[in-house]
Amino acid sequence: MATTNSITTSYSGEFAGQYISAALLSGSTLDNGLITIKPNIKFKEVMKKVASDDIVKDATCDFDPTSTLTLTERILQPDFQQVNLQLCKADFHNDWEAVQMGYSAFDSLPPSFADFLIGHVASKVAQRTEQSIWNGAAATAGQFGGFTELLLADADVTDVGGGAAVDSSNVISKLGLVVDAIGSSLYTSEDMFIYVSQNVARAYVRALGGFASNLGAAGTDDKGTQWYNGGGLSFDGIKIAVANGLSDNKMVAAEKSNLFFGTGLLADHNEVKVIDMADIDGSQNVRVVMRFTAGVQYGVGSDIVLYS
């Protein structure tokens, strides 16, 4: 059965030659390298964690192995996912690009639409992957277990926050809760980030534009709400990363090197196959196929702060 294809345009006049899709969330987490990417995982990868007690002891003349090393492991197992679409070419006979399909009864999908469809499908996959990385639920079809789900289930993770929704009047104090919960050994780490949802980022930008009581009405550099031009953000010396996939009012403080995205081949996330079935089964159908693997995991839960 073909994928439902609803064409609501009217075939009258000349087509301008451009398709426009709805605005899509960019896959910012992976595109901007905000977490550690581990490719070439065929099935799963075992990540060993080493913990030790105070290994420095008072010196003696003898070898005295009194320290304790504990080895544990965490499994990164990407999920297998796919995109399967099927379009009937007959649906395009009365549409804007019918001429591009050729005059033969054995026609093909309009070339410009095929190009658009490839880009659109790849973008939709990037959007879903971004959402799953941070807010995915393992039990939901088309998603994999994201960081929020994993961190909430781990008692070693430091949980803070809650209460009222984050807005420009309280975002400074909310971010302060997160920073105060970061361990002293991690605070100065070069790859420590506070990953925030879009609403938290917007609230912080607005607060620095004059809504934070300690900045005054004119805000940062006396520019009011026009101070921000899309540059980097930080709080108390820690870099802020906007994670588009995080749901509202959530923040995660962690080292980039402690958060992992696993997959088979990175190229699989950009490969969209368009298969004309005419030469295979004689039908008028065109199939669009993507297959890829994706999953996330973290290393040490006690080094992570979750605001939710």
C-alpha atoms as a PDB file:
ATOM      1  CA  MET A   1       0.000   0.000   0.000  1.00  0.00           C
ATOM      2  CA  ALA A   2       1.418   3.390  -0.973  1.00  0.00           C
ATOM      3  CA  THR A   3       2.183   6.065   1.586  1.00  0.00           C
ATOM      4  CA  THR A   4      -0.722   8.506   1.799  1.00  0.00           C
ATOM      5  CA  ASN A   5       0.159  11.320  -0.605  1.00  0.00           C
ATOM      6  CA  SER A   6      -2.079  14.362  -0.383  1.00  0.00           C
ATOM      7  CA  ILE A   7      -1.650  16.854  -3.237  1.00  0.00           C
ATOM      8  CA  THR A   8      -3.695  20.002  -2.685  1.00  0.00           C
ATOM      9  CA  THR A   9      -2.224  22.274  -5.373  1.00  0.00           C
ATOM     10  CA  SER A  10      -4.117  23.257  -8.521  1.00  0.00           C
ATOM     11  CA  TYR A  11      -2.506  22.637 -11.925  1.00  0.00           C
ATOM     12  CA  SER A  12      -2.907  26.086 -13.461  1.00  0.00           C
ATOM     13  CA  GLY A  13      -0.072  28.165 -14.863  1.00  0.00           C
ATOM     14  CA  GLU A  14       3.672  27.635 -14.527  1.00  0.00           C
ATOM     15  CA  PHE A  15       5.325  26.102 -11.473  1.00  0.00           C
ATOM     16  CA  ALA A  16       8.033  28.260  -9.936  1.00  0.00           C
ATOM     17  CA  GLY A  17      10.291  25.228  -9.448  1.00  0.00           C
ATOM     18  CA  GLN A  18      10.752  25.245  -5.689  1.00  0.00           C
ATOM     19  CA  TYR A  19       9.346  23.077  -2.915  1.00  0.00           C
ATOM     20  CA  ILE A  20       9.206  24.408   0.625  1.00  0.00           C
ATOM     21  CA  SER A  21       8.991  22.143   3.677  1.00  0.00           C
ATOM     22  CA  ALA A  22       7.962  23.093   7.192  1.00  0.00           C
ATOM     23  CA  ALA A  23      10.724  24.504   9.401  1.00  0.00           C
ATOM     24  CA  LEU A  24      12.707  21.644  10.909  1.00  0.00           C
ATOM     25  CA  LEU A  25      14.753  21.456  14.085  1.00  0.00           C
ATOM     26  CA  SER A  26      18.386  21.171  13.076  1.00  0.00           C
ATOM     27  CA  GLY A  27      20.358  18.271  14.482  1.00  0.00           C
ATOM     28  CA  SER A  28      22.400  20.756  16.509  1.00  0.00           C
ATOM     29  CA  THR A  29      23.796  18.297  19.041  1.00  0.00           C
ATOM     30  CA  LEU A  30      25.594  16.202  16.438  1.00  0.00           C
ATOM     31  CA  ASP A  31      26.210  18.952  13.872  1.00  0.00           C
ATOM     32  CA  ASN A  32      27.942  21.132  16.464  1.00  0.00           C
ATOM     33  CA  GLY A  33      29.839  18.274  18.121  1.00  0.00           C
ATOM     34  CA  LEU A  34      28.251  18.881  21.508  1.00  0.00           C
ATOM     35  CA  ILE A  35      28.616  15.247  22.598  1.00  0.00           C
ATOM     36  CA  THR A  36      31.119  12.504  21.818  1.00  0.00           C
ATOM     37  CA  ILE A  37      30.268  10.533  18.666  1.00  0.00           C
ATOM     38  CA  LYS A  38      31.246   6.865  18.570  1.00  0.00           C
ATOM     39  CA  PRO A  39      30.777   5.461  15.048  1.00  0.00           C
ATOM     40  CA  ASN A  40      31.340   1.946  13.683  1.00  0.00           C
ATOM     41  CA  ILE A  41      29.312   0.123  16.340  1.00  0.00           C
ATOM     42  CA  LYS A  42      27.821  -2.931  14.647  1.00  0.00           C
ATOM     43  CA  PHE A  43      25.781  -4.193  17.603  1.00  0.00           C
ATOM     44  CA  LYS A  44      26.903  -2.780  20.929  1.00  0.00           C
ATOM     45  CA  GLU A  45      29.968  -1.406  22.654  1.00  0.00           C
ATOM     46  CA  VAL A  46      31.007  -2.018  26.250  1.00  0.00           C
ATOM     47  CA  MET A  47      32.431   1.039  27.982  1.00  0.00           C
ATOM     48  CA  LYS A  48      34.528   0.202  31.041  1.00  0.00           C
ATOM     49  CA  LYS A  49      34.469   2.522  34.050  1.00  0.00           C
ATOM     50  CA  VAL A  50      37.258   2.537  36.617  1.00  0.00           C
ATOM     51  CA  ALA A  51      36.725   3.855  40.144  1.00  0.00           C
ATOM     52  CA  SER A  52      39.323   3.956  42.904  1.00  0.00           C
ATOM     53  CA  ASP A  53      39.642   5.034  46.498  1.00  0.00           C
ATOM     54  CA  ASP A  54      42.432   7.285  47.787  1.00  0.00           C
ATOM     55  CA  ILE A  55      45.382   5.656  46.047  1.00  0.00           C
ATOM     56  CA  VAL A  56      48.062   7.868  47.619  1.00  0.00           C
ATOM     57  CA  LYS A  57      49.321   6.388  50.898  1.00  0.00           C
ATOM     58  CA  ASP A  58      52.144   7.060  53.322  1.00  0.00           C
ATOM     59  CA  ALA A  59      55.370   5.519  52.030  1.00  0.00           C
ATOM     60  CA  THR A  60      56.864   2.365  53.601  1.00  0.00           C
ATOM     61  CA  CYS A  61      59.767   0.078  52.706  1.00  0.00           C
ATOM     62  CA  ASP A  62      57.389  -2.626  51.515  1.00  0.00           C
ATOM     63  CA  PHE A  63      54.983  -2.949  48.606  1.00  0.00           C
ATOM     64  CA  ASP A  64      51.561  -2.575  50.233  1.00  0.00           C
ATOM     65  CA  PRO A  65      48.673  -2.872  47.717  1.00  0.00           C
ATOM     66  CA  THR A  66      45.950  -1.468  49.946  1.00  0.00           C
ATOM     67  CA  SER A  67      44.106   0.647  47.411  1.00  0.00           C
ATOM     68  CA  THR A  68      40.865  -0.452  45.776  1.00  0.00           C
ATOM     69  CA  LEU A  69      40.050  -0.406  42.076  1.00  0.00           C
ATOM     70  CA  THR A  70      36.483  -1.101  40.944  1.00  0.00           C
ATOM     71  CA  LEU A  71      35.674  -1.855  37.320  1.00  0.00           C
ATOM     72  CA  THR A  72      32.110  -1.536  36.085  1.00  0.00           C
ATOM     73  CA  GLU A  73      30.674  -1.239  32.602  1.00  0.00           C
ATOM     74  CA  ARG A  74      28.008   0.590  30.665  1.00  0.00           C
ATOM     75  CA  ILE A  75      26.545  -0.637  27.397  1.00  0.00           C
ATOM     76  CA  LEU A  76      26.054   1.558  24.337  1.00  0.00           C
ATOM     77  CA  GLN A  77      23.698  -0.324  22.011  1.00  0.00           C
ATOM     78  CA  PRO A  78      22.317   1.682  19.076  1.00  0.00           C
ATOM     79  CA  ASP A  79      18.779   0.896  17.930  1.00  0.00           C
ATOM     80  CA  PHE A  80      18.043  -0.124  14.343  1.00  0.00           C
ATOM     81  CA  GLN A  81      15.686   2.375  12.695  1.00  0.00           C
ATOM     82  CA  GLN A  82      14.321   2.938   9.217  1.00  0.00           C
ATOM     83  CA  VAL A  83      12.263   5.169   6.932  1.00  0.00           C
ATOM     84  CA  ASN A  84       9.969   3.449   4.398  1.00  0.00           C
ATOM     85  CA  LEU A  85       7.827   5.578   2.098  1.00  0.00           C
ATOM     86  CA  GLN A  86       5.995   4.607  -1.071  1.00  0.00           C
ATOM     87  CA  LEU A  87       4.603   7.066  -3.618  1.00  0.00           C
ATOM     88  CA  CYS A  88       2.480   6.326  -6.664  1.00  0.00           C
ATOM     89  CA  LYS A  89       3.647   8.266  -9.727  1.00  0.00           C
ATOM     90  CA  ALA A  90       0.073   8.451 -11.007  1.00  0.00           C
ATOM     91  CA  ASP A  91      -0.652  10.940  -8.203  1.00  0.00           C
ATOM     92  CA  PHE A  92       1.544  13.477 -10.010  1.00  0.00           C
ATOM     93  CA  HIS A  93      -0.092  13.235 -13.462  1.00  0.00           C
ATOM     94  CA  ASN A  94      -2.282  16.269 -12.828  1.00  0.00           C
ATOM     95  CA  ASP A  95       0.199  18.201 -10.725  1.00  0.00           C
ATOM     96  CA  TRP A  96       2.568  21.036 -11.590  1.00  0.00           C
ATOM     97  CA  GLU A  97       5.422  18.835 -12.744  1.00  0.00           C
ATOM     98  CA  ALA A  98       3.603  16.328 -14.932  1.00  0.00           C
ATOM     99  CA  VAL A  99       5.682  17.352 -17.974  1.00  0.00           C
ATOM    100  CA  GLN A 100       8.915  16.572 -16.120  1.00  0.00           C
ATOM    101  CA  MET A 101       7.736  12.984 -15.735  1.00  0.00           C
ATOM    102  CA  GLY A 102       8.007  12.483 -19.486  1.00  0.00           C
ATOM    103  CA  TYR A 103       5.316  11.729 -22.057  1.00  0.00           C
ATOM    104  CA  SER A 104       5.721   7.948 -21.945  1.00  0.00           C
ATOM    105  CA  ALA A 105       3.277   5.798 -19.998  1.00  0.00           C
ATOM    106  CA  PHE A 106       6.417   4.537 -18.205  1.00  0.00           C
ATOM    107  CA  ASP A 107       7.009   7.828 -16.435  1.00  0.00           C
ATOM    108  CA  SER A 108       9.264   8.704 -13.522  1.00  0.00           C
ATOM    109  CA  LEU A 109       8.986  10.794 -10.369  1.00  0.00           C
ATOM    110  CA  PRO A 110       9.478  14.537 -11.113  1.00  0.00           C
ATOM    111  CA  PRO A 111      13.237  15.093 -10.726  1.00  0.00           C
ATOM    112  CA  SER A 112      13.043  18.285  -8.686  1.00  0.00           C
ATOM    113  CA  PHE A 113      10.511  16.698  -6.344  1.00  0.00           C
ATOM    114  CA  ALA A 114      12.736  13.646  -5.952  1.00  0.00           C
ATOM    115  CA  ASP A 115      15.651  15.907  -4.978  1.00  0.00           C
ATOM    116  CA  PHE A 116      13.469  17.790  -2.529  1.00  0.00           C
ATOM    117  CA  LEU A 117      12.142  14.547  -1.054  1.00  0.00           C
ATOM    118  CA  ILE A 118      15.651  13.226  -0.416  1.00  0.00           C
ATOM    119  CA  GLY A 119      16.610  16.390   1.469  1.00  0.00           C
ATOM    120  CA  HIS A 120      13.323  16.505   3.329  1.00  0.00           C
ATOM    121  CA  VAL A 121      13.562  12.896   4.533  1.00  0.00           C
ATOM    122  CA  ALA A 122      17.171  13.373   5.659  1.00  0.00           C
ATOM    123  CA  SER A 123      16.184  16.537   7.562  1.00  0.00           C
ATOM    124  CA  LYS A 124      13.258  14.799   9.247  1.00  0.00           C
ATOM    125  CA  VAL A 125      15.576  12.017  10.377  1.00  0.00           C
ATOM    126  CA  ALA A 126      18.015  14.608  11.771  1.00  0.00           C
ATOM    127  CA  GLN A 127      15.144  16.232  13.663  1.00  0.00           C
ATOM    128  CA  ARG A 128      13.895  12.949  15.135  1.00  0.00           C
ATOM    129  CA  THR A 129      17.433  11.938  16.078  1.00  0.00           C
ATOM    130  CA  GLU A 130      17.993  15.253  17.866  1.00  0.00           C
ATOM    131  CA  GLN A 131      14.767  14.786  19.820  1.00  0.00           C
ATOM    132  CA  SER A 132      15.576  11.176  20.701  1.00  0.00           C
ATOM    133  CA  ILE A 133      19.099  12.019  21.882  1.00  0.00           C
ATOM    134  CA  TRP A 134      17.716  14.144  24.690  1.00  0.00           C
ATOM    135  CA  ASN A 135      14.083  13.227  25.170  1.00  0.00           C
ATOM    136  CA  GLY A 136      13.570   9.860  23.471  1.00  0.00           C
ATOM    137  CA  ALA A 137      11.637   7.021  25.089  1.00  0.00           C
ATOM    138  CA  ALA A 138      12.893   3.496  24.441  1.00  0.00           C
ATOM    139  CA  ALA A 139       9.347   2.118  24.524  1.00  0.00           C
ATOM    140  CA  THR A 140       8.113   4.504  21.791  1.00  0.00           C
ATOM    141  CA  ALA A 141       8.329   3.332  18.182  1.00  0.00           C
ATOM    142  CA  GLY A 142      10.757   5.370  16.089  1.00  0.00           C
ATOM    143  CA  GLN A 143      12.689   6.601  19.122  1.00  0.00           C
ATOM    144  CA  PHE A 144      15.560   5.366  21.274  1.00  0.00           C
ATOM    145  CA  GLY A 145      16.077   5.955  24.971  1.00  0.00           C
ATOM    146  CA  GLY A 146      17.445   9.488  25.379  1.00  0.00           C
ATOM    147  CA  PHE A 147      19.583  11.105  28.041  1.00  0.00           C
ATOM    148  CA  THR A 148      16.640  12.402  30.089  1.00  0.00           C
ATOM    149  CA  GLU A 149      15.144   8.916  30.397  1.00  0.00           C
ATOM    150  CA  LEU A 150      18.514   7.345  31.227  1.00  0.00           C
ATOM    151  CA  LEU A 151      19.528   9.990  33.761  1.00  0.00           C
ATOM    152  CA  LEU A 152      16.199   9.968  35.606  1.00  0.00           C
ATOM    153  CA  ALA A 153      16.605   6.229  36.172  1.00  0.00           C
ATOM    154  CA  ASP A 154      20.115   6.546  37.651  1.00  0.00           C
ATOM    155  CA  ALA A 155      20.365   7.266  41.369  1.00  0.00           C
ATOM    156  CA  ASP A 156      24.003   8.329  40.949  1.00  0.00           C
ATOM    157  CA  VAL A 157      22.971  11.371  38.894  1.00  0.00           C
ATOM    158  CA  THR A 158      22.537  14.587  40.890  1.00  0.00           C
ATOM    159  CA  ASP A 159      18.938  15.773  40.490  1.00  0.00           C
ATOM    160  CA  VAL A 160      18.072  19.414  41.183  1.00  0.00           C
ATOM    161  CA  GLY A 161      15.373  21.919  40.348  1.00  0.00           C
ATOM    162  CA  GLY A 162      11.727  21.494  39.648  1.00  0.00           C
ATOM    163  CA  GLY A 163       9.060  23.906  40.773  1.00  0.00           C
ATOM    164  CA  ALA A 164       7.986  26.804  38.586  1.00  0.00           C
ATOM    165  CA  ALA A 165       8.668  26.860  34.859  1.00  0.00           C
ATOM    166  CA  VAL A 166      11.874  28.645  33.832  1.00  0.00           C
ATOM    167  CA  ASP A 167      11.371  32.220  32.619  1.00  0.00           C
ATOM    168  CA  SER A 168      13.369  35.438  32.473  1.00  0.00           C
ATOM    169  CA  SER A 169      12.573  36.281  36.094  1.00  0.00           C
ATOM    170  CA  ASN A 170      13.978  33.066  37.589  1.00  0.00           C
ATOM    171  CA  VAL A 171      16.423  31.656  35.026  1.00  0.00           C
ATOM    172  CA  ILE A 172      19.470  33.079  36.831  1.00  0.00           C
ATOM    173  CA  SER A 173      18.579  31.300  40.061  1.00  0.00           C
ATOM    174  CA  LYS A 174      17.665  28.092  38.212  1.00  0.00           C
ATOM    175  CA  LEU A 175      20.997  28.017  36.399  1.00  0.00           C
ATOM    176  CA  GLY A 176      22.631  28.736  39.746  1.00  0.00           C
ATOM    177  CA  LEU A 177      21.101  25.571  41.191  1.00  0.00           C
ATOM    178  CA  VAL A 178      22.707  23.560  38.407  1.00  0.00           C
ATOM    179  CA  VAL A 179      26.142  25.146  38.780  1.00  0.00           C
ATOM    180  CA  ASP A 180      26.113  24.799  42.560  1.00  0.00           C
ATOM    181  CA  ALA A 181      25.494  21.049  42.180  1.00  0.00           C
ATOM    182  CA  ILE A 182      28.519  20.514  39.899  1.00  0.00           C
ATOM    183  CA  GLY A 183      31.371  18.804  41.715  1.00  0.00           C
ATOM    184  CA  SER A 184      34.445  20.910  42.450  1.00  0.00           C
ATOM    185  CA  SER A 185      36.665  18.587  40.408  1.00  0.00           C
ATOM    186  CA  LEU A 186      34.460  19.166  37.332  1.00  0.00           C
ATOM    187  CA  TYR A 187      33.763  22.884  37.562  1.00  0.00           C
ATOM    188  CA  THR A 188      36.933  23.903  35.721  1.00  0.00           C
ATOM    189  CA  SER A 189      36.816  21.068  33.177  1.00  0.00           C
ATOM    190  CA  GLU A 190      37.360  22.432  29.665  1.00  0.00           C
ATOM    191  CA  ASP A 191      34.610  20.308  28.136  1.00  0.00           C
ATOM    192  CA  MET A 192      31.972  20.952  30.798  1.00  0.00           C
ATOM    193  CA  PHE A 193      28.702  22.244  29.351  1.00  0.00           C
ATOM    194  CA  ILE A 194      25.282  23.178  30.631  1.00  0.00           C
ATOM    195  CA  TYR A 195      22.913  21.777  28.004  1.00  0.00           C
ATOM    196  CA  VAL A 196      19.658  23.727  28.069  1.00  0.00           C
ATOM    197  CA  SER A 197      16.324  23.561  26.276  1.00  0.00           C
ATOM    198  CA  GLN A 198      15.303  26.343  23.920  1.00  0.00           C
ATOM    199  CA  ASN A 199      12.952  28.003  26.403  1.00  0.00           C
ATOM    200  CA  VAL A 200      15.727  28.177  29.013  1.00  0.00           C
ATOM    201  CA  ALA A 201      18.110  29.729  26.482  1.00  0.00           C
ATOM    202  CA  ARG A 202      15.524  32.311  25.435  1.00  0.00           C
ATOM    203  CA  ALA A 203      14.795  33.165  29.060  1.00  0.00           C
ATOM    204  CA  TYR A 204      18.509  33.617  29.782  1.00  0.00           C
ATOM    205  CA  VAL A 205      19.037  35.884  26.757  1.00  0.00           C
ATOM    206  CA  ARG A 206      16.057  37.988  27.809  1.00  0.00           C
ATOM    207  CA  ALA A 207      17.259  38.143  31.395  1.00  0.00           C
ATOM    208  CA  LEU A 208      20.634  39.472  30.287  1.00  0.00           C
ATOM    209  CA  GLY A 209      18.807  42.027  28.165  1.00  0.00           C
ATOM    210  CA  GLY A 210      17.583  43.837  31.242  1.00  0.00           C
ATOM    211  CA  PHE A 211      15.266  41.516  33.143  1.00  0.00           C
ATOM    212  CA  ALA A 212      17.875  40.317  35.622  1.00  0.00           C
ATOM    213  CA  SER A 213      17.726  42.475  38.755  1.00  0.00           C
ATOM    214  CA  ASN A 214      21.507  42.728  39.046  1.00  0.00           C
ATOM    215  CA  LEU A 215      21.972  44.078  35.501  1.00  0.00           C
ATOM    216  CA  GLY A 216      19.605  47.018  35.529  1.00  0.00           C
ATOM    217  CA  ALA A 217      17.002  47.928  32.947  1.00  0.00           C
ATOM    218  CA  ALA A 218      19.499  48.413  30.120  1.00  0.00           C
ATOM    219  CA  GLY A 219      20.930  44.911  30.388  1.00  0.00           C
ATOM    220  CA  THR A 220      24.265  43.661  29.077  1.00  0.00           C
ATOM    221  CA  ASP A 221      26.440  46.445  27.604  1.00  0.00           C
ATOM    222  CA  ASP A 222      23.459  48.789  28.013  1.00  0.00           C
ATOM    223  CA  LYS A 223      21.935  47.335  24.824  1.00  0.00           C
ATOM    224  CA  GLY A 224      18.682  46.032  26.256  1.00  0.00           C
ATOM    225  CA  THR A 225      17.197  43.039  24.495  1.00  0.00           C
ATOM    226  CA  GLN A 226      19.255  43.811  21.385  1.00  0.00           C
ATOM    227  CA  TRP A 227      22.493  42.763  23.058  1.00  0.00           C
ATOM    228  CA  TYR A 228      22.405  39.188  21.732  1.00  0.00           C
ATOM    229  CA  ASN A 229      23.439  38.414  18.144  1.00  0.00           C
ATOM    230  CA  GLY A 230      23.610  34.633  18.248  1.00  0.00           C
ATOM    231  CA  GLY A 231      27.050  34.207  19.808  1.00  0.00           C
ATOM    232  CA  GLY A 232      28.114  31.851  22.562  1.00  0.00           C
ATOM    233  CA  LEU A 233      26.516  31.871  25.996  1.00  0.00           C
ATOM    234  CA  SER A 234      28.026  31.018  29.359  1.00  0.00           C
ATOM    235  CA  PHE A 235      27.026  31.096  33.001  1.00  0.00           C
ATOM    236  CA  ASP A 236      29.476  31.411  35.879  1.00  0.00           C
ATOM    237  CA  GLY A 237      32.269  30.525  33.473  1.00  0.00           C
ATOM    238  CA  ILE A 238      30.609  27.364  32.126  1.00  0.00           C
ATOM    239  CA  LYS A 239      29.656  27.165  28.469  1.00  0.00           C
ATOM    240  CA  ILE A 240      25.948  26.891  27.645  1.00  0.00           C
ATOM    241  CA  ALA A 241      24.874  24.664  24.749  1.00  0.00           C
ATOM    242  CA  VAL A 242      21.338  24.865  23.370  1.00  0.00           C
ATOM    243  CA  ALA A 243      20.104  21.293  22.885  1.00  0.00           C
ATOM    244  CA  ASN A 244      17.134  21.556  20.533  1.00  0.00           C
ATOM    245  CA  GLY A 245      15.925  18.094  21.514  1.00  0.00           C
ATOM    246  CA  LEU A 246      15.624  18.869  25.228  1.00  0.00           C
ATOM    247  CA  SER A 247      12.043  19.457  26.304  1.00  0.00           C
ATOM    248  CA  ASP A 248      11.116  22.708  28.044  1.00  0.00           C
ATOM    249  CA  ASN A 249      12.465  23.506  31.509  1.00  0.00           C
ATOM    250  CA  LYS A 250      15.241  20.908  31.423  1.00  0.00           C
ATOM    251  CA  MET A 251      19.002  21.288  31.807  1.00  0.00           C
ATOM    252  CA  VAL A 252      21.903  18.855  31.945  1.00  0.00           C
ATOM    253  CA  ALA A 253      25.363  19.739  33.217  1.00  0.00           C
ATOM    254  CA  ALA A 254      27.971  17.272  32.000  1.00  0.00           C
ATOM    255  CA  GLU A 255      31.297  16.931  30.280  1.00  0.00           C
ATOM    256  CA  LYS A 256      31.090  16.401  26.537  1.00  0.00           C
ATOM    257  CA  SER A 257      33.473  13.469  27.006  1.00  0.00           C
ATOM    258  CA  ASN A 258      30.952  11.827  29.350  1.00  0.00           C
ATOM    259  CA  LEU A 259      28.043  11.825  26.854  1.00  0.00           C
ATOM    260  CA  PHE A 260      28.098   9.457  23.883  1.00  0.00           C
ATOM    261  CA  PHE A 261      26.165   8.987  20.668  1.00  0.00           C
ATOM    262  CA  GLY A 262      26.662   5.623  19.009  1.00  0.00           C
ATOM    263  CA  THR A 263      25.912   4.539  15.456  1.00  0.00           C
ATOM    264  CA  GLY A 264      27.097   2.189  12.745  1.00  0.00           C
ATOM    265  CA  LEU A 265      28.140   4.400   9.847  1.00  0.00           C
ATOM    266  CA  LEU A 266      27.623   8.151  10.109  1.00  0.00           C
ATOM    267  CA  ALA A 267      27.019   8.161   6.348  1.00  0.00           C
ATOM    268  CA  ASP A 268      23.858   6.089   6.895  1.00  0.00           C
ATOM    269  CA  HIS A 269      22.206   9.194   8.359  1.00  0.00           C
ATOM    270  CA  ASN A 270      22.663  11.022   5.052  1.00  0.00           C
ATOM    271  CA  GLU A 271      21.876   8.227   2.593  1.00  0.00           C
ATOM    272  CA  VAL A 272      18.335   8.258   1.209  1.00  0.00           C
ATOM    273  CA  LYS A 273      17.571   5.703  -1.495  1.00  0.00           C
ATOM    274  CA  VAL A 274      14.851   6.423  -4.062  1.00  0.00           C
ATOM    275  CA  ILE A 275      13.878   3.183  -5.813  1.00  0.00           C
ATOM    276  CA  ASP A 276      11.663   3.180  -8.913  1.00  0.00           C
ATOM    277  CA  MET A 277       9.729  -0.081  -8.741  1.00  0.00           C
ATOM    278  CA  ALA A 278       8.693  -0.056 -12.441  1.00  0.00           C
ATOM    279  CA  ASP A 279      11.573  -2.298 -13.521  1.00  0.00           C
ATOM    280  CA  ILE A 280      11.202  -4.550 -10.477  1.00  0.00           C
ATOM    281  CA  ASP A 281       7.501  -5.346 -10.211  1.00  0.00           C
ATOM    282  CA  GLY A 282       5.984  -3.323 -13.059  1.00  0.00           C
ATOM    283  CA  SER A 283       4.144  -0.993 -10.696  1.00  0.00           C
ATOM    284  CA  GLN A 284       3.844   2.794 -10.722  1.00  0.00           C
ATOM    285  CA  ASN A 285       5.348   3.038  -7.246  1.00  0.00           C
ATOM    286  CA  VAL A 286       8.514   4.767  -6.053  1.00  0.00           C
ATOM    287  CA  ARG A 287       9.992   3.741  -2.705  1.00  0.00           C
ATOM    288  CA  VAL A 288      12.054   5.923  -0.409  1.00  0.00           C
ATOM    289  CA  VAL A 289      14.291   4.042   2.033  1.00  0.00           C
ATOM    290  CA  MET A 290      16.635   4.946   4.881  1.00  0.00           C
ATOM    291  CA  ARG A 291      18.246   2.534   7.341  1.00  0.00           C
ATOM    292  CA  PHE A 292      20.496   3.559  10.206  1.00  0.00           C
ATOM    293  CA  THR A 293      21.333   2.894  13.849  1.00  0.00           C
ATOM    294  CA  ALA A 294      21.383   5.389  16.711  1.00  0.00           C
ATOM    295  CA  GLY A 295      21.622   5.383  20.491  1.00  0.00           C
ATOM    296  CA  VAL A 296      23.082   7.305  23.428  1.00  0.00           C
ATOM    297  CA  GLN A 297      24.793   6.478  26.684  1.00  0.00           C
ATOM    298  CA  TYR A 298      26.853   8.247  29.335  1.00  0.00           C
ATOM    299  CA  GLY A 299      29.865   7.165  31.323  1.00  0.00           C
ATOM    300  CA  VAL A 300      29.801   8.293  34.945  1.00  0.00           C
ATOM    301  CA  GLY A 301      26.401   9.240  36.354  1.00  0.00           C
ATOM    302  CA  SER A 302      27.783  10.902  39.471  1.00  0.00           C
ATOM    303  CA  ASP A 303      29.496  13.500  37.266  1.00  0.00           C
ATOM    304  CA  ILE A 304      26.199  14.667  35.771  1.00  0.00           C
ATOM    305  CA  VAL A 305      23.606  17.156  37.059  1.00  0.00           C
ATOM    306  CA  LEU A 306      20.027  16.962  35.814  1.00  0.00           C
ATOM    307  CA  TYR A 307      17.526  19.786  36.212  1.00  0.00           C
ATOM    308  CA  SER A 308      14.015  18.593  35.429  1.00  0.00           C
END
